[in-house]
């Protein structure tokens, strides 16, 4: 690097930002702190300030990141946004990591190895085109499989929007896709 640049993270400002969000949206059940990519390059220690502000769920990209996050915050659940290989599901469960389910075949593999109490979030593809259920029929089938599985908890359903939604018709198509994919559940 030919120039000296740096980012200065103020933990008090992070904490205050979370408090402001919670005040603006007091009826939400979950306030996620997404700390994937080493908190977007700012360091996992940011998790402490986010938790102090009221974040009650974290999200990481990988199981490795989720386990690293446990060095900073242990009690708050962590959603792993990337599917976890079935052979590591027990380790994820033991460390309070919630699984992302993106396809029916993956769900069927998980149901064979997941301990009772395993939490799952379904990931829907509404236009990012990276990962997720693409049909309402598959979403409905996944929910039915989870509901028939003993001790597996469907805790959430989410998507990753490809755009910010500011004066953006693609955002409207993505939210409509989310509603269409979830209409049967």
N, C-alpha and C. Protein backbone atom coordinates (compact mmCIF):
# COMPACT_ATOMS: atom_id res chain seq x y z
N UNK A 1 0.85 -1.18 0.00
CA UNK A 1 0.00 0.00 0.00
C UNK A 1 0.90 1.23 0.00
N UNK A 2 0.60 2.18 -0.86
CA UNK A 2 1.43 3.36 -1.03
C UNK A 2 0.92 4.58 -0.28
N UNK A 3 -0.15 4.40 0.45
CA UNK A 3 -0.64 5.51 1.27
C UNK A 3 -1.05 4.96 2.62
N UNK A 4 -0.94 5.80 3.59
CA UNK A 4 -1.27 5.37 4.95
C UNK A 4 -2.73 5.69 5.23
N UNK A 5 -3.55 4.65 5.15
CA UNK A 5 -4.97 4.81 5.46
C UNK A 5 -5.33 3.87 6.59
N UNK A 6 -6.34 4.23 7.31
CA UNK A 6 -6.78 3.37 8.40
C UNK A 6 -8.23 3.70 8.71
N UNK A 7 -8.88 2.77 9.38
CA UNK A 7 -10.24 2.99 9.87
C UNK A 7 -10.18 3.00 11.39
N UNK A 8 -10.76 4.00 11.96
CA UNK A 8 -10.82 4.07 13.42
C UNK A 8 -12.24 3.76 13.85
N UNK A 9 -12.41 2.69 14.60
CA UNK A 9 -13.72 2.24 15.05
C UNK A 9 -13.92 2.70 16.49
N UNK A 10 -14.96 3.44 16.69
CA UNK A 10 -15.30 3.94 18.03
C UNK A 10 -16.35 3.00 18.64
N UNK A 11 -15.96 2.16 19.59
CA UNK A 11 -16.92 1.22 20.18
C UNK A 11 -18.14 1.91 20.79
N UNK A 12 -17.97 3.08 21.36
CA UNK A 12 -19.10 3.81 21.94
C UNK A 12 -20.08 4.24 20.84
N UNK A 13 -19.56 4.62 19.68
CA UNK A 13 -20.43 5.00 18.56
C UNK A 13 -21.18 3.79 18.03
N UNK A 14 -20.51 2.64 17.91
CA UNK A 14 -21.19 1.41 17.49
C UNK A 14 -22.32 1.07 18.44
N UNK A 15 -22.02 1.10 19.72
CA UNK A 15 -23.02 0.79 20.74
C UNK A 15 -24.20 1.76 20.63
N UNK A 16 -23.91 3.04 20.47
CA UNK A 16 -24.97 4.04 20.34
C UNK A 16 -25.80 3.83 19.06
N UNK A 17 -25.16 3.46 17.97
CA UNK A 17 -25.88 3.20 16.73
C UNK A 17 -26.90 2.08 16.91
N UNK A 18 -26.49 1.03 17.60
CA UNK A 18 -27.43 -0.08 17.85
C UNK A 18 -28.58 0.40 18.72
N UNK A 19 -28.28 1.16 19.73
CA UNK A 19 -29.35 1.69 20.60
C UNK A 19 -30.34 2.55 19.80
N UNK A 20 -29.83 3.34 18.86
CA UNK A 20 -30.70 4.18 18.03
C UNK A 20 -31.60 3.31 17.13
N UNK A 21 -31.04 2.28 16.58
CA UNK A 21 -31.83 1.37 15.74
C UNK A 21 -32.92 0.70 16.58
N UNK A 22 -32.55 0.24 17.76
CA UNK A 22 -33.54 -0.41 18.64
C UNK A 22 -34.64 0.57 19.04
N UNK A 23 -34.30 1.82 19.27
CA UNK A 23 -35.30 2.82 19.64
C UNK A 23 -36.24 3.10 18.46
N UNK A 24 -35.70 3.08 17.25
CA UNK A 24 -36.52 3.35 16.07
C UNK A 24 -37.42 2.17 15.71
N UNK A 25 -37.01 0.96 16.08
CA UNK A 25 -37.76 -0.26 15.75
C UNK A 25 -37.94 -1.12 17.00
N UNK A 26 -38.71 -0.63 17.96
CA UNK A 26 -38.80 -1.32 19.26
C UNK A 26 -39.56 -2.64 19.22
N UNK A 27 -40.33 -2.90 18.18
CA UNK A 27 -41.14 -4.12 18.14
C UNK A 27 -40.40 -5.31 17.53
N UNK A 28 -39.20 -5.11 17.06
CA UNK A 28 -38.46 -6.22 16.48
C UNK A 28 -38.07 -7.21 17.57
N UNK A 29 -38.03 -8.47 17.21
CA UNK A 29 -37.62 -9.50 18.16
C UNK A 29 -36.10 -9.68 18.14
N UNK A 30 -35.54 -9.60 16.93
CA UNK A 30 -34.11 -9.82 16.78
C UNK A 30 -33.44 -8.59 16.19
N UNK A 31 -32.26 -8.31 16.70
CA UNK A 31 -31.40 -7.25 16.19
C UNK A 31 -30.07 -7.91 15.86
N UNK A 32 -29.84 -8.14 14.56
CA UNK A 32 -28.66 -8.87 14.11
C UNK A 32 -27.48 -7.94 13.92
N UNK A 33 -26.35 -8.39 14.37
CA UNK A 33 -25.07 -7.75 14.07
C UNK A 33 -24.33 -8.65 13.09
N UNK A 34 -24.22 -8.22 11.85
CA UNK A 34 -23.53 -9.02 10.84
C UNK A 34 -22.05 -8.69 10.92
N UNK A 35 -21.26 -9.68 11.30
CA UNK A 35 -19.83 -9.48 11.51
C UNK A 35 -19.01 -10.41 10.61
N UNK A 36 -19.56 -10.72 9.44
CA UNK A 36 -18.84 -11.60 8.51
C UNK A 36 -17.60 -10.87 7.99
N UNK A 37 -16.66 -11.67 7.50
CA UNK A 37 -15.43 -11.07 6.95
C UNK A 37 -14.65 -10.31 8.01
N UNK A 38 -14.56 -10.91 9.23
CA UNK A 38 -13.86 -10.26 10.34
C UNK A 38 -14.46 -8.88 10.60
N UNK A 39 -15.80 -8.87 10.69
CA UNK A 39 -16.56 -7.63 10.89
C UNK A 39 -16.22 -6.62 9.79
N UNK A 40 -16.30 -7.11 8.55
CA UNK A 40 -16.01 -6.29 7.37
C UNK A 40 -14.62 -5.65 7.45
N UNK A 41 -13.68 -6.44 7.99
CA UNK A 41 -12.30 -5.98 8.08
C UNK A 41 -11.99 -5.11 9.29
N UNK A 42 -12.97 -4.90 10.15
CA UNK A 42 -12.75 -4.03 11.31
C UNK A 42 -12.43 -4.79 12.59
N UNK A 43 -12.45 -6.10 12.55
CA UNK A 43 -12.07 -6.91 13.70
C UNK A 43 -13.27 -7.39 14.51
N UNK A 44 -13.20 -8.66 14.90
CA UNK A 44 -14.30 -9.26 15.65
C UNK A 44 -14.53 -8.62 17.02
N UNK A 45 -13.57 -7.85 17.50
CA UNK A 45 -13.79 -7.17 18.78
C UNK A 45 -14.95 -6.19 18.70
N UNK A 46 -15.37 -5.83 17.50
CA UNK A 46 -16.55 -4.97 17.32
C UNK A 46 -17.80 -5.62 17.92
N UNK A 47 -17.78 -6.95 18.00
CA UNK A 47 -18.93 -7.68 18.53
C UNK A 47 -19.26 -7.24 19.96
N UNK A 48 -18.27 -6.94 20.75
CA UNK A 48 -18.51 -6.52 22.14
C UNK A 48 -19.36 -5.26 22.18
N UNK A 49 -19.02 -4.27 21.36
CA UNK A 49 -19.78 -3.02 21.34
C UNK A 49 -21.18 -3.24 20.79
N UNK A 50 -21.30 -4.07 19.76
CA UNK A 50 -22.62 -4.36 19.20
C UNK A 50 -23.51 -5.03 20.25
N UNK A 51 -22.95 -5.97 20.97
CA UNK A 51 -23.72 -6.66 22.02
C UNK A 51 -24.09 -5.68 23.14
N UNK A 52 -23.18 -4.81 23.52
CA UNK A 52 -23.46 -3.84 24.57
C UNK A 52 -24.60 -2.91 24.16
N UNK A 53 -24.71 -2.64 22.86
CA UNK A 53 -25.78 -1.78 22.37
C UNK A 53 -27.13 -2.47 22.29
N UNK A 54 -27.12 -3.80 22.30
CA UNK A 54 -28.38 -4.53 22.28
C UNK A 54 -28.56 -5.52 21.16
N UNK A 55 -27.54 -5.75 20.33
CA UNK A 55 -27.62 -6.81 19.33
C UNK A 55 -27.86 -8.11 20.08
N UNK A 56 -28.84 -8.89 19.63
CA UNK A 56 -29.13 -10.15 20.33
C UNK A 56 -28.98 -11.36 19.41
N UNK A 57 -28.36 -11.16 18.27
CA UNK A 57 -28.04 -12.25 17.35
C UNK A 57 -26.91 -11.75 16.47
N UNK A 58 -25.95 -12.62 16.20
CA UNK A 58 -24.88 -12.28 15.27
C UNK A 58 -25.02 -13.13 14.01
N UNK A 59 -24.41 -12.68 12.93
CA UNK A 59 -24.34 -13.46 11.70
C UNK A 59 -22.90 -13.41 11.19
N UNK A 60 -22.42 -14.58 10.82
CA UNK A 60 -21.09 -14.71 10.24
C UNK A 60 -21.22 -15.45 8.91
N UNK A 61 -20.18 -15.38 8.09
CA UNK A 61 -20.22 -16.09 6.82
C UNK A 61 -19.94 -17.57 6.99
N UNK A 62 -19.02 -17.91 7.87
CA UNK A 62 -18.54 -19.30 7.97
C UNK A 62 -18.60 -19.80 9.41
N UNK A 63 -18.50 -21.11 9.55
CA UNK A 63 -18.42 -21.70 10.88
C UNK A 63 -17.14 -21.26 11.58
N UNK A 64 -16.05 -21.15 10.83
CA UNK A 64 -14.79 -20.69 11.43
C UNK A 64 -14.97 -19.32 12.07
N UNK A 65 -15.63 -18.41 11.36
CA UNK A 65 -15.88 -17.08 11.93
C UNK A 65 -16.77 -17.15 13.16
N UNK A 66 -17.79 -18.00 13.09
CA UNK A 66 -18.69 -18.14 14.24
C UNK A 66 -17.93 -18.62 15.46
N UNK A 67 -17.04 -19.58 15.29
CA UNK A 67 -16.25 -20.08 16.42
C UNK A 67 -15.28 -19.03 16.92
N UNK A 68 -14.69 -18.25 16.01
CA UNK A 68 -13.80 -17.16 16.41
C UNK A 68 -14.57 -16.09 17.20
N UNK A 69 -15.80 -15.85 16.78
CA UNK A 69 -16.64 -14.86 17.48
C UNK A 69 -16.85 -15.26 18.93
N UNK A 70 -16.88 -16.54 19.21
CA UNK A 70 -17.08 -17.01 20.58
C UNK A 70 -15.97 -16.54 21.52
N UNK A 71 -14.84 -16.12 20.98
CA UNK A 71 -13.78 -15.55 21.83
C UNK A 71 -14.19 -14.20 22.39
N UNK A 72 -15.17 -13.55 21.75
CA UNK A 72 -15.58 -12.20 22.15
C UNK A 72 -16.95 -12.18 22.82
N UNK A 73 -17.87 -12.98 22.35
CA UNK A 73 -19.24 -13.00 22.86
C UNK A 73 -19.76 -14.42 22.84
N UNK A 74 -19.98 -15.02 23.97
CA UNK A 74 -20.41 -16.41 23.96
C UNK A 74 -21.92 -16.60 24.04
N UNK A 75 -22.62 -15.77 24.74
CA UNK A 75 -24.02 -16.04 25.03
C UNK A 75 -25.00 -15.71 23.91
N UNK A 76 -24.59 -14.95 22.96
CA UNK A 76 -25.50 -14.50 21.91
C UNK A 76 -25.46 -15.52 20.76
N UNK A 77 -26.64 -15.96 20.27
CA UNK A 77 -26.64 -16.91 19.16
C UNK A 77 -26.01 -16.32 17.91
N UNK A 78 -25.52 -17.22 17.06
CA UNK A 78 -24.86 -16.83 15.81
C UNK A 78 -25.49 -17.60 14.67
N UNK A 79 -25.92 -16.88 13.64
CA UNK A 79 -26.40 -17.50 12.41
C UNK A 79 -25.23 -17.57 11.44
N UNK A 80 -24.93 -18.77 10.96
CA UNK A 80 -23.91 -18.93 9.93
C UNK A 80 -24.62 -18.80 8.59
N UNK A 81 -24.26 -17.80 7.81
CA UNK A 81 -24.93 -17.49 6.56
C UNK A 81 -24.58 -18.47 5.43
N UNK A 82 -23.51 -19.19 5.60
CA UNK A 82 -23.09 -20.18 4.62
C UNK A 82 -23.48 -21.56 5.15
N UNK A 83 -23.92 -22.45 4.28
CA UNK A 83 -24.24 -23.80 4.76
C UNK A 83 -23.01 -24.47 5.39
N UNK A 84 -23.25 -25.22 6.43
CA UNK A 84 -22.20 -25.92 7.16
C UNK A 84 -22.23 -27.38 6.74
N UNK A 85 -21.09 -27.94 6.43
CA UNK A 85 -21.01 -29.34 6.02
C UNK A 85 -21.62 -30.22 7.11
N UNK A 86 -22.38 -31.22 6.71
CA UNK A 86 -23.05 -32.08 7.71
C UNK A 86 -22.13 -32.64 8.79
N UNK A 87 -20.89 -32.93 8.45
CA UNK A 87 -19.99 -33.49 9.46
C UNK A 87 -19.61 -32.49 10.56
N UNK A 88 -19.92 -31.20 10.38
CA UNK A 88 -19.61 -30.20 11.39
C UNK A 88 -20.86 -29.65 12.10
N UNK A 89 -22.00 -30.23 11.81
CA UNK A 89 -23.26 -29.73 12.38
C UNK A 89 -23.27 -29.88 13.90
N UNK A 90 -22.77 -30.98 14.43
CA UNK A 90 -22.76 -31.17 15.89
C UNK A 90 -21.88 -30.11 16.53
N UNK A 91 -20.74 -29.83 15.94
CA UNK A 91 -19.85 -28.79 16.49
C UNK A 91 -20.54 -27.43 16.47
N UNK A 92 -21.24 -27.14 15.39
CA UNK A 92 -21.99 -25.88 15.31
C UNK A 92 -23.03 -25.84 16.42
N UNK A 93 -23.78 -26.90 16.59
CA UNK A 93 -24.81 -26.96 17.62
C UNK A 93 -24.21 -26.74 19.01
N UNK A 94 -23.10 -27.40 19.29
CA UNK A 94 -22.45 -27.29 20.60
C UNK A 94 -21.98 -25.87 20.90
N UNK A 95 -21.81 -25.06 19.86
CA UNK A 95 -21.34 -23.69 20.02
C UNK A 95 -22.43 -22.65 19.76
N UNK A 96 -23.69 -23.08 19.77
CA UNK A 96 -24.79 -22.15 19.62
C UNK A 96 -24.87 -21.50 18.26
N UNK A 97 -24.51 -22.24 17.21
CA UNK A 97 -24.53 -21.70 15.86
C UNK A 97 -25.78 -22.21 15.14
N UNK A 98 -26.55 -21.29 14.62
CA UNK A 98 -27.77 -21.59 13.87
C UNK A 98 -27.39 -21.85 12.42
N UNK A 99 -28.06 -22.84 11.82
CA UNK A 99 -27.72 -23.27 10.47
C UNK A 99 -28.57 -22.58 9.42
N UNK A 100 -27.95 -22.26 8.30
CA UNK A 100 -28.66 -21.79 7.12
C UNK A 100 -28.95 -23.00 6.25
N UNK A 101 -30.22 -23.11 5.84
CA UNK A 101 -30.64 -24.17 4.92
C UNK A 101 -31.05 -23.50 3.63
N UNK A 102 -30.45 -23.93 2.53
CA UNK A 102 -30.64 -23.26 1.24
C UNK A 102 -31.24 -24.15 0.16
N UNK A 103 -31.29 -25.47 0.41
CA UNK A 103 -31.84 -26.41 -0.58
C UNK A 103 -32.44 -27.62 0.14
N UNK A 104 -33.38 -28.28 -0.51
CA UNK A 104 -34.03 -29.45 0.07
C UNK A 104 -33.05 -30.60 0.29
N UNK A 105 -32.18 -30.87 -0.66
CA UNK A 105 -31.25 -31.99 -0.49
C UNK A 105 -30.31 -31.75 0.69
N UNK A 106 -29.90 -30.53 0.90
CA UNK A 106 -29.06 -30.20 2.05
C UNK A 106 -29.84 -30.39 3.35
N UNK A 107 -31.09 -29.96 3.37
CA UNK A 107 -31.93 -30.14 4.55
C UNK A 107 -32.05 -31.63 4.91
N UNK A 108 -32.26 -32.46 3.92
CA UNK A 108 -32.39 -33.90 4.17
C UNK A 108 -31.12 -34.47 4.78
N UNK A 109 -29.95 -34.00 4.32
CA UNK A 109 -28.68 -34.43 4.92
C UNK A 109 -28.59 -33.97 6.37
N UNK A 110 -28.99 -32.74 6.64
CA UNK A 110 -28.93 -32.22 8.00
C UNK A 110 -29.82 -32.99 8.95
N UNK A 111 -31.00 -33.33 8.49
CA UNK A 111 -31.95 -34.03 9.36
C UNK A 111 -31.42 -35.38 9.82
N UNK A 112 -30.49 -35.94 9.08
CA UNK A 112 -29.89 -37.21 9.48
C UNK A 112 -28.87 -37.05 10.60
N UNK A 113 -28.28 -35.87 10.74
CA UNK A 113 -27.18 -35.70 11.70
C UNK A 113 -27.42 -34.63 12.76
N UNK A 114 -28.40 -33.79 12.58
CA UNK A 114 -28.59 -32.65 13.49
C UNK A 114 -29.13 -33.11 14.84
N UNK A 115 -28.51 -32.64 15.93
CA UNK A 115 -29.03 -32.97 17.26
C UNK A 115 -30.36 -32.29 17.54
N UNK A 116 -31.11 -32.84 18.49
CA UNK A 116 -32.36 -32.19 18.90
C UNK A 116 -32.04 -30.79 19.40
N UNK A 117 -32.89 -29.85 19.01
CA UNK A 117 -32.69 -28.46 19.41
C UNK A 117 -31.93 -27.63 18.39
N UNK A 118 -31.48 -28.26 17.31
CA UNK A 118 -30.76 -27.53 16.28
C UNK A 118 -31.69 -26.46 15.68
N UNK A 119 -31.18 -25.23 15.61
CA UNK A 119 -31.94 -24.12 15.04
C UNK A 119 -31.57 -23.96 13.56
N UNK A 120 -32.61 -23.66 12.76
CA UNK A 120 -32.45 -23.52 11.32
C UNK A 120 -33.12 -22.23 10.86
N UNK A 121 -32.46 -21.57 9.91
CA UNK A 121 -33.07 -20.47 9.17
C UNK A 121 -33.06 -20.87 7.70
N UNK A 122 -34.17 -20.66 7.02
CA UNK A 122 -34.23 -20.91 5.59
C UNK A 122 -33.75 -19.68 4.85
N UNK A 123 -32.89 -19.89 3.86
CA UNK A 123 -32.37 -18.80 3.03
C UNK A 123 -33.09 -18.86 1.69
N UNK A 124 -33.71 -17.75 1.32
CA UNK A 124 -34.43 -17.66 0.06
C UNK A 124 -33.64 -16.81 -0.93
N UNK A 125 -33.65 -17.22 -2.18
CA UNK A 125 -32.99 -16.44 -3.23
C UNK A 125 -34.04 -15.58 -3.91
N UNK A 126 -33.99 -14.29 -3.63
CA UNK A 126 -34.97 -13.35 -4.22
C UNK A 126 -34.36 -12.48 -5.31
N UNK A 127 -33.12 -12.79 -5.69
CA UNK A 127 -32.52 -12.01 -6.76
C UNK A 127 -31.02 -11.82 -6.65
N UNK A 128 -30.42 -12.20 -5.55
CA UNK A 128 -28.96 -12.11 -5.43
C UNK A 128 -28.30 -13.19 -6.28
N UNK A 129 -29.01 -14.32 -6.44
CA UNK A 129 -28.56 -15.44 -7.27
C UNK A 129 -27.25 -16.07 -6.82
N UNK A 130 -27.10 -16.15 -5.50
CA UNK A 130 -25.94 -16.85 -4.95
C UNK A 130 -26.37 -18.16 -4.28
N UNK A 131 -27.38 -18.07 -3.45
CA UNK A 131 -27.69 -19.18 -2.56
C UNK A 131 -29.13 -19.03 -2.11
N UNK A 132 -29.86 -20.13 -2.05
CA UNK A 132 -31.19 -20.06 -1.47
C UNK A 132 -32.25 -20.77 -2.28
N UNK A 133 -33.37 -21.01 -1.61
CA UNK A 133 -34.53 -21.62 -2.25
C UNK A 133 -35.07 -20.67 -3.32
N UNK A 134 -35.44 -21.24 -4.48
CA UNK A 134 -35.93 -20.43 -5.58
C UNK A 134 -37.41 -20.66 -5.87
N UNK A 135 -38.00 -21.71 -5.27
CA UNK A 135 -39.41 -21.99 -5.56
C UNK A 135 -40.22 -22.07 -4.27
N UNK A 136 -41.45 -21.58 -4.36
CA UNK A 136 -42.36 -21.63 -3.21
C UNK A 136 -42.66 -23.08 -2.83
N UNK A 137 -42.70 -23.97 -3.80
CA UNK A 137 -42.97 -25.38 -3.52
C UNK A 137 -41.86 -25.98 -2.66
N UNK A 138 -40.61 -25.65 -2.99
CA UNK A 138 -39.50 -26.17 -2.19
C UNK A 138 -39.48 -25.56 -0.79
N UNK A 139 -39.84 -24.30 -0.68
CA UNK A 139 -39.91 -23.67 0.65
C UNK A 139 -40.97 -24.38 1.50
N UNK A 140 -42.12 -24.60 0.92
CA UNK A 140 -43.20 -25.29 1.64
C UNK A 140 -42.77 -26.70 2.02
N UNK A 141 -42.14 -27.42 1.11
CA UNK A 141 -41.67 -28.78 1.40
C UNK A 141 -40.63 -28.77 2.52
N UNK A 142 -39.75 -27.77 2.52
CA UNK A 142 -38.74 -27.67 3.58
C UNK A 142 -39.39 -27.45 4.93
N UNK A 143 -40.36 -26.56 4.99
CA UNK A 143 -41.05 -26.29 6.25
C UNK A 143 -41.76 -27.55 6.74
N UNK A 144 -42.39 -28.27 5.83
CA UNK A 144 -43.07 -29.51 6.22
C UNK A 144 -42.08 -30.54 6.74
N UNK A 145 -40.93 -30.67 6.10
CA UNK A 145 -39.90 -31.60 6.58
C UNK A 145 -39.40 -31.21 7.97
N UNK A 146 -39.14 -29.93 8.16
CA UNK A 146 -38.65 -29.46 9.46
C UNK A 146 -39.71 -29.69 10.53
N UNK A 147 -40.95 -29.38 10.22
CA UNK A 147 -42.03 -29.57 11.20
C UNK A 147 -42.24 -31.04 11.56
N UNK A 148 -41.94 -31.94 10.64
CA UNK A 148 -42.10 -33.36 10.93
C UNK A 148 -40.88 -33.95 11.61
N UNK A 149 -39.77 -33.23 11.60
CA UNK A 149 -38.54 -33.70 12.25
C UNK A 149 -38.62 -33.38 13.74
N UNK A 150 -38.28 -34.34 14.54
CA UNK A 150 -38.36 -34.15 15.98
C UNK A 150 -37.19 -33.30 16.48
N UNK A 151 -37.53 -32.19 17.13
CA UNK A 151 -36.52 -31.40 17.81
C UNK A 151 -35.75 -30.41 16.97
N UNK A 152 -36.06 -30.28 15.70
CA UNK A 152 -35.40 -29.28 14.85
C UNK A 152 -36.27 -28.02 14.87
N UNK A 153 -35.65 -26.88 15.06
CA UNK A 153 -36.39 -25.64 15.25
C UNK A 153 -36.22 -24.74 14.03
N UNK A 154 -37.32 -24.45 13.34
CA UNK A 154 -37.29 -23.45 12.27
C UNK A 154 -37.47 -22.10 12.94
N UNK A 155 -36.39 -21.38 13.06
CA UNK A 155 -36.39 -20.12 13.80
C UNK A 155 -36.62 -18.91 12.89
N UNK A 156 -36.22 -19.01 11.62
CA UNK A 156 -36.35 -17.83 10.77
C UNK A 156 -36.27 -18.16 9.30
N UNK A 157 -36.64 -17.18 8.50
CA UNK A 157 -36.56 -17.22 7.05
C UNK A 157 -35.97 -15.89 6.62
N UNK A 158 -34.97 -15.93 5.74
CA UNK A 158 -34.36 -14.66 5.34
C UNK A 158 -33.92 -14.69 3.88
N UNK A 159 -33.57 -13.52 3.40
CA UNK A 159 -32.99 -13.37 2.07
C UNK A 159 -31.84 -12.38 2.16
N UNK A 160 -31.12 -12.24 1.08
CA UNK A 160 -30.06 -11.25 0.96
C UNK A 160 -30.43 -10.38 -0.23
N UNK A 161 -30.81 -9.16 0.04
CA UNK A 161 -31.21 -8.26 -1.04
C UNK A 161 -29.99 -7.82 -1.83
N UNK A 162 -30.14 -7.79 -3.14
CA UNK A 162 -29.03 -7.44 -4.02
C UNK A 162 -28.82 -5.94 -4.13
N UNK A 163 -29.80 -5.16 -3.69
CA UNK A 163 -29.70 -3.70 -3.81
C UNK A 163 -30.21 -3.06 -2.52
N UNK A 164 -29.98 -1.77 -2.38
CA UNK A 164 -30.33 -1.07 -1.15
C UNK A 164 -31.79 -0.68 -1.05
N UNK A 165 -32.48 -0.59 -2.18
CA UNK A 165 -33.88 -0.22 -2.15
C UNK A 165 -34.16 1.26 -2.29
N UNK A 166 -33.13 2.05 -2.46
CA UNK A 166 -33.32 3.49 -2.61
C UNK A 166 -33.63 3.81 -4.06
N UNK A 167 -34.87 4.21 -4.34
CA UNK A 167 -35.31 4.52 -5.71
C UNK A 167 -34.91 3.40 -6.68
N UNK A 168 -35.28 2.20 -6.33
CA UNK A 168 -34.76 1.05 -7.05
C UNK A 168 -35.88 0.04 -7.33
N UNK A 169 -36.33 -0.08 -8.56
CA UNK A 169 -37.39 -1.03 -8.87
C UNK A 169 -36.98 -2.49 -8.65
N UNK A 170 -35.69 -2.80 -8.73
CA UNK A 170 -35.25 -4.17 -8.49
C UNK A 170 -35.52 -4.57 -7.04
N UNK A 171 -35.39 -3.65 -6.12
CA UNK A 171 -35.71 -3.90 -4.72
C UNK A 171 -37.17 -4.33 -4.59
N UNK A 172 -38.07 -3.64 -5.29
CA UNK A 172 -39.48 -4.00 -5.24
C UNK A 172 -39.72 -5.41 -5.76
N UNK A 173 -39.01 -5.80 -6.81
CA UNK A 173 -39.14 -7.17 -7.34
C UNK A 173 -38.62 -8.19 -6.33
N UNK A 174 -37.56 -7.84 -5.62
CA UNK A 174 -37.01 -8.76 -4.62
C UNK A 174 -37.97 -8.95 -3.45
N UNK A 175 -38.56 -7.86 -2.96
CA UNK A 175 -39.49 -8.01 -1.84
C UNK A 175 -40.74 -8.76 -2.29
N UNK A 176 -41.19 -8.55 -3.52
CA UNK A 176 -42.32 -9.30 -4.05
C UNK A 176 -41.96 -10.78 -4.16
N UNK A 177 -40.75 -11.09 -4.57
CA UNK A 177 -40.30 -12.48 -4.65
C UNK A 177 -40.30 -13.13 -3.27
N UNK A 178 -39.86 -12.40 -2.27
CA UNK A 178 -39.86 -12.93 -0.89
C UNK A 178 -41.29 -13.27 -0.46
N UNK A 179 -42.21 -12.38 -0.73
CA UNK A 179 -43.60 -12.63 -0.36
C UNK A 179 -44.18 -13.81 -1.14
N UNK A 180 -43.82 -13.94 -2.39
CA UNK A 180 -44.30 -15.05 -3.21
C UNK A 180 -43.71 -16.38 -2.67
N UNK A 181 -42.43 -16.40 -2.34
CA UNK A 181 -41.78 -17.62 -1.86
C UNK A 181 -42.31 -18.06 -0.49
N UNK A 182 -42.74 -17.10 0.31
CA UNK A 182 -43.20 -17.44 1.66
C UNK A 182 -44.73 -17.55 1.78
N UNK A 183 -45.45 -17.30 0.71
CA UNK A 183 -46.92 -17.28 0.77
C UNK A 183 -47.50 -18.61 1.26
N UNK A 184 -46.85 -19.72 0.95
CA UNK A 184 -47.39 -21.03 1.33
C UNK A 184 -47.05 -21.47 2.74
N UNK A 185 -46.30 -20.67 3.44
CA UNK A 185 -45.93 -21.05 4.81
C UNK A 185 -46.50 -20.06 5.80
